[in-house]
PDB file of N, CA and C in Angstrom:
ATOM      1  N   UNK A   1       0.980  -1.404   0.003  1.00  0.00           N
ATOM      2  CA  UNK A   1       0.297   0.025  -0.022  1.00  0.00           C
ATOM      3  C   UNK A   1       0.940   1.219   0.359  1.00  0.00           C
ATOM      4  N   UNK A   2       0.470   2.336  -0.961  1.00  0.00           N
ATOM      5  CA  UNK A   2       1.112   3.492  -0.797  1.00  0.00           C
ATOM      6  C   UNK A   2       0.430   4.471  -0.210  1.00  0.00           C
ATOM      7  N   UNK A   3       1.041   5.741   0.517  1.00  0.00           N
ATOM      8  CA  UNK A   3       0.535   6.632   1.053  1.00  0.00           C
ATOM      9  C   UNK A   3      -0.200   7.552  -0.208  1.00  0.00           C
ATOM     10  N   UNK A   4      -1.811   7.704   0.654  1.00  0.00           N
ATOM     11  CA  UNK A   4      -2.381   8.670  -0.308  1.00  0.00           C
ATOM     12  C   UNK A   4      -2.567  10.089   0.369  1.00  0.00           C
ATOM     13  N   UNK A   5      -2.044  11.269  -0.786  1.00  0.00           N
ATOM     14  CA  UNK A   5      -1.743  12.588  -0.126  1.00  0.00           C
ATOM     15  C   UNK A   5      -3.229  13.092  -0.072  1.00  0.00           C
ATOM     16  N   UNK A   6      -4.164  12.855  -0.793  1.00  0.00           N
ATOM     17  CA  UNK A   6      -5.380  13.119  -0.627  1.00  0.00           C
ATOM     18  C   UNK A   6      -6.235  12.545   0.416  1.00  0.00           C
ATOM     19  N   UNK A   7      -5.344  11.692   1.762  1.00  0.00           N
ATOM     20  CA  UNK A   7      -6.297  11.292   2.413  1.00  0.00           C
ATOM     21  C   UNK A   7      -7.097  12.473   3.282  1.00  0.00           C
ATOM     22  N   UNK A   8      -8.135  12.063   3.348  1.00  0.00           N
ATOM     23  CA  UNK A   8      -9.382  13.223   4.217  1.00  0.00           C
ATOM     24  C   UNK A   8      -9.070  13.635   5.627  1.00  0.00           C
ATOM     25  N   UNK A   9      -8.509  12.558   6.036  1.00  0.00           N
ATOM     26  CA  UNK A   9      -8.000  12.965   7.515  1.00  0.00           C
ATOM     27  C   UNK A   9      -6.454  13.676   7.814  1.00  0.00           C
ATOM     28  N   UNK A  10      -6.235  13.872   6.277  1.00  0.00           N
ATOM     29  CA  UNK A  10      -4.397  14.243   6.294  1.00  0.00           C
ATOM     30  C   UNK A  10      -2.999  13.120   5.606  1.00  0.00           C
ATOM     31  N   UNK A  11      -2.293  13.751   5.457  1.00  0.00           N
ATOM     32  CA  UNK A  11      -1.423  13.167   4.751  1.00  0.00           C
ATOM     33  C   UNK A  11      -1.181  11.676   6.068  1.00  0.00           C
ATOM     34  N   UNK A  12      -0.870  10.434   5.361  1.00  0.00           N
ATOM     35  CA  UNK A  12      -0.312   9.906   6.336  1.00  0.00           C
ATOM     36  C   UNK A  12       1.343   9.946   6.772  1.00  0.00           C
ATOM     37  N   UNK A  13       1.871   9.179   7.532  1.00  0.00           N
ATOM     38  CA  UNK A  13       2.956   9.604   8.619  1.00  0.00           C
ATOM     39  C   UNK A  13       3.843   8.969   7.566  1.00  0.00           C
ATOM     40  N   UNK A  14       3.046   7.056   7.212  1.00  0.00           N
ATOM     41  CA  UNK A  14       3.935   6.101   6.862  1.00  0.00           C
ATOM     42  C   UNK A  14       3.871   6.718   5.056  1.00  0.00           C
ATOM     43  N   UNK A  15       5.016   6.100   4.372  1.00  0.00           N
ATOM     44  CA  UNK A  15       4.896   6.488   2.886  1.00  0.00           C
ATOM     45  C   UNK A  15       4.561   5.498   2.176  1.00  0.00           C
ATOM     46  N   UNK A  16       4.619   4.030   2.707  1.00  0.00           N
ATOM     47  CA  UNK A  16       4.309   2.812   2.184  1.00  0.00           C
ATOM     48  C   UNK A  16       4.363   1.575   3.402  1.00  0.00           C
ATOM     49  N   UNK A  17       3.421   0.897   3.131  1.00  0.00           N
ATOM     50  CA  UNK A  17       3.104  -0.478   4.261  1.00  0.00           C
ATOM     51  C   UNK A  17       3.262  -1.712   3.238  1.00  0.00           C
ATOM     52  N   UNK A  18       4.012  -2.997   3.616  1.00  0.00           N
ATOM     53  CA  UNK A  18       4.236  -3.872   2.771  1.00  0.00           C
ATOM     54  C   UNK A  18       3.101  -5.050   3.893  1.00  0.00           C
ATOM     55  N   UNK A  19       2.065  -5.590   2.939  1.00  0.00           N
ATOM     56  CA  UNK A  19       1.558  -6.808   3.690  1.00  0.00           C
ATOM     57  C   UNK A  19       2.099  -8.011   3.372  1.00  0.00           C
ATOM     58  N   UNK A  20       2.659  -9.184   3.905  1.00  0.00           N
ATOM     59  CA  UNK A  20       3.487 -10.458   3.286  1.00  0.00           C
ATOM     60  C   UNK A  20       2.387 -11.609   3.985  1.00  0.00           C
ATOM     61  N   UNK A  21       2.105 -12.674   3.554  1.00  0.00           N
ATOM     62  CA  UNK A  21       1.512 -13.679   4.071  1.00  0.00           C
ATOM     63  C   UNK A  21       2.767 -14.971   4.467  1.00  0.00           C
ATOM     64  N   UNK A  22       2.710 -15.174   5.736  1.00  0.00           N
ATOM     65  CA  UNK A  22       4.030 -16.398   5.818  1.00  0.00           C
ATOM     66  C   UNK A  22       3.067 -17.761   6.402  1.00  0.00           C
ATOM     67  N   UNK A  23       3.572 -18.717   5.826  1.00  0.00           N
ATOM     68  CA  UNK A  23       2.874 -19.710   6.685  1.00  0.00           C
ATOM     69  C   UNK A  23       3.510 -20.504   7.874  1.00  0.00           C
ATOM     70  N   UNK A  24       5.030 -20.429   7.764  1.00  0.00           N
ATOM     71  CA  UNK A  24       6.086 -21.149   8.791  1.00  0.00           C
ATOM     72  C   UNK A  24       6.167 -20.405  10.307  1.00  0.00           C
ATOM     73  N   UNK A  25       6.062 -20.600  11.378  1.00  0.00           N
ATOM     74  CA  UNK A  25       5.940 -19.425  12.246  1.00  0.00           C
ATOM     75  C   UNK A  25       7.578 -19.282  12.345  1.00  0.00           C
ATOM     76  N   UNK A  26       8.660 -20.609  11.844  1.00  0.00           N
ATOM     77  CA  UNK A  26       9.796 -20.274  12.472  1.00  0.00           C
ATOM     78  C   UNK A  26      10.618 -19.605  11.414  1.00  0.00           C
ATOM     79  N   UNK A  27       9.943 -19.305  10.248  1.00  0.00           N
ATOM     80  CA  UNK A  27       9.893 -18.051   9.573  1.00  0.00           C
ATOM     81  C   UNK A  27       9.735 -16.667   9.807  1.00  0.00           C
ATOM     82  N   UNK A  28       8.572 -16.644  10.337  1.00  0.00           N
ATOM     83  CA  UNK A  28       8.233 -15.147  11.084  1.00  0.00           C
ATOM     84  C   UNK A  28       9.299 -14.884  12.276  1.00  0.00           C
ATOM     85  N   UNK A  29       9.605 -15.687  12.909  1.00  0.00           N
ATOM     86  CA  UNK A  29      10.751 -15.715  13.881  1.00  0.00           C
ATOM     87  C   UNK A  29      11.975 -15.309  13.792  1.00  0.00           C
ATOM     88  N   UNK A  30      12.376 -15.651  12.749  1.00  0.00           N
ATOM     89  CA  UNK A  30      13.712 -15.106  12.056  1.00  0.00           C
ATOM     90  C   UNK A  30      13.568 -13.758  11.315  1.00  0.00           C
ATOM     91  N   UNK A  31      12.725 -13.998  10.992  1.00  0.00           N
ATOM     92  CA  UNK A  31      12.558 -12.008  10.066  1.00  0.00           C
ATOM     93  C   UNK A  31      12.397 -11.140  11.254  1.00  0.00           C
ATOM     94  N   UNK A  32      11.637 -11.640  12.240  1.00  0.00           N
ATOM     95  CA  UNK A  32      11.477 -10.517  13.376  1.00  0.00           C
ATOM     96  C   UNK A  32      13.198 -10.584  13.958  1.00  0.00           C
ATOM     97  N   UNK A  33      13.924 -11.561  14.357  1.00  0.00           N
ATOM     98  CA  UNK A  33      15.055 -11.524  14.637  1.00  0.00           C
ATOM     99  C   UNK A  33      16.190 -10.704  13.948  1.00  0.00           C
ATOM    100  N   UNK A  34      15.957 -10.726  12.718  1.00  0.00           N
ATOM    101  CA  UNK A  34      16.739 -10.011  11.673  1.00  0.00           C
ATOM    102  C   UNK A  34      16.556  -8.672  11.563  1.00  0.00           C
ATOM    103  N   UNK A  35      14.979  -8.505  12.555  1.00  0.00           N
ATOM    104  CA  UNK A  35      14.481  -6.818  11.935  1.00  0.00           C
ATOM    105  C   UNK A  35      13.832  -6.661  10.500  1.00  0.00           C
ATOM    106  N   UNK A  36      13.368  -7.946   9.799  1.00  0.00           N
ATOM    107  CA  UNK A  36      12.802  -7.858   8.443  1.00  0.00           C
ATOM    108  C   UNK A  36      11.021  -7.220   9.310  1.00  0.00           C
ATOM    109  N   UNK A  37      10.347  -7.869  10.046  1.00  0.00           N
ATOM    110  CA  UNK A  37       9.271  -7.582  10.296  1.00  0.00           C
ATOM    111  C   UNK A  37       9.253  -6.863  11.529  1.00  0.00           C
ATOM    112  N   UNK A  38       8.116  -6.222  11.589  1.00  0.00           N
ATOM    113  CA  UNK A  38       7.906  -5.502  12.584  1.00  0.00           C
ATOM    114  C   UNK A  38       6.683  -5.922  13.321  1.00  0.00           C
ATOM    115  N   UNK A  39       5.817  -6.551  12.821  1.00  0.00           N
ATOM    116  CA  UNK A  39       4.279  -7.252  13.238  1.00  0.00           C
ATOM    117  C   UNK A  39       4.187  -8.605  12.377  1.00  0.00           C
ATOM    118  N   UNK A  40       4.216  -9.818  13.496  1.00  0.00           N
ATOM    119  CA  UNK A  40       3.861 -11.144  13.129  1.00  0.00           C
ATOM    120  C   UNK A  40       2.397 -11.655  13.941  1.00  0.00           C
ATOM    121  N   UNK A  41       1.822 -12.336  13.450  1.00  0.00           N
ATOM    122  CA  UNK A  41       0.868 -13.185  14.177  1.00  0.00           C
ATOM    123  C   UNK A  41       0.142 -15.000  13.680  1.00  0.00           C
ATOM    124  N   UNK A  42      -0.106 -15.312  14.655  1.00  0.00           N
ATOM    125  CA  UNK A  42       0.049 -16.885  14.242  1.00  0.00           C
ATOM    126  C   UNK A  42       1.008 -17.534  14.817  1.00  0.00           C
ATOM    127  N   UNK A  43       2.029 -17.096  15.483  1.00  0.00           N
ATOM    128  CA  UNK A  43       3.368 -17.427  15.604  1.00  0.00           C
ATOM    129  C   UNK A  43       3.146 -18.883  16.855  1.00  0.00           C
ATOM    130  N   UNK A  44       3.879 -19.960  16.530  1.00  0.00           N
ATOM    131  CA  UNK A  44       3.456 -21.250  17.424  1.00  0.00           C
ATOM    132  C   UNK A  44       4.308 -20.235  18.420  1.00  0.00           C
ATOM    133  N   UNK A  45       3.576 -21.092  19.951  1.00  0.00           N
ATOM    134  CA  UNK A  45       4.285 -20.618  21.370  1.00  0.00           C
ATOM    135  C   UNK A  45       5.825 -20.932  21.508  1.00  0.00           C
ATOM    136  N   UNK A  46       6.148 -22.011  20.950  1.00  0.00           N
ATOM    137  CA  UNK A  46       7.927 -21.861  20.965  1.00  0.00           C
ATOM    138  C   UNK A  46       9.011 -20.913  20.198  1.00  0.00           C
ATOM    139  N   UNK A  47       8.099 -20.766  19.152  1.00  0.00           N
ATOM    140  CA  UNK A  47       8.753 -19.280  18.559  1.00  0.00           C
ATOM    141  C   UNK A  47       8.617 -17.809  19.301  1.00  0.00           C
ATOM    142  N   UNK A  48       7.454 -17.810  20.128  1.00  0.00           N
ATOM    143  CA  UNK A  48       7.318 -16.698  20.665  1.00  0.00           C
ATOM    144  C   UNK A  48       8.010 -16.951  22.100  1.00  0.00           C
ATOM    145  N   UNK A  49       8.404 -17.613  22.485  1.00  0.00           N
ATOM    146  CA  UNK A  49       9.050 -18.056  23.912  1.00  0.00           C
ATOM    147  C   UNK A  49      10.712 -17.795  23.238  1.00  0.00           C
ATOM    148  N   UNK A  50      10.935 -18.283  22.411  1.00  0.00           N
ATOM    149  CA  UNK A  50      12.736 -17.996  21.473  1.00  0.00           C
ATOM    150  C   UNK A  50      13.034 -16.530  21.273  1.00  0.00           C
ATOM    151  N   UNK A  51      11.849 -16.059  20.992  1.00  0.00           N
ATOM    152  CA  UNK A  51      12.008 -14.323  20.964  1.00  0.00           C
ATOM    153  C   UNK A  51      12.189 -13.432  22.541  1.00  0.00           C
ATOM    154  N   UNK A  52      12.044 -14.313  23.675  1.00  0.00           N
ATOM    155  CA  UNK A  52      11.941 -13.934  24.931  1.00  0.00           C
ATOM    156  C   UNK A  52      13.180 -13.883  25.467  1.00  0.00           C
TER     157      UNK A  52
END
């Protein structure tokens, strides 16, 4: 998604948002550890505990 400067509530602060779909919980954990992801959901408990 890209920024819409014509948005009725003012120009958004982010220039773009990228949504990706991953099925492997371990892939999500590794990408979070590397800093490639900011948000993830549906992760396995073991991968969440590994991030702590």
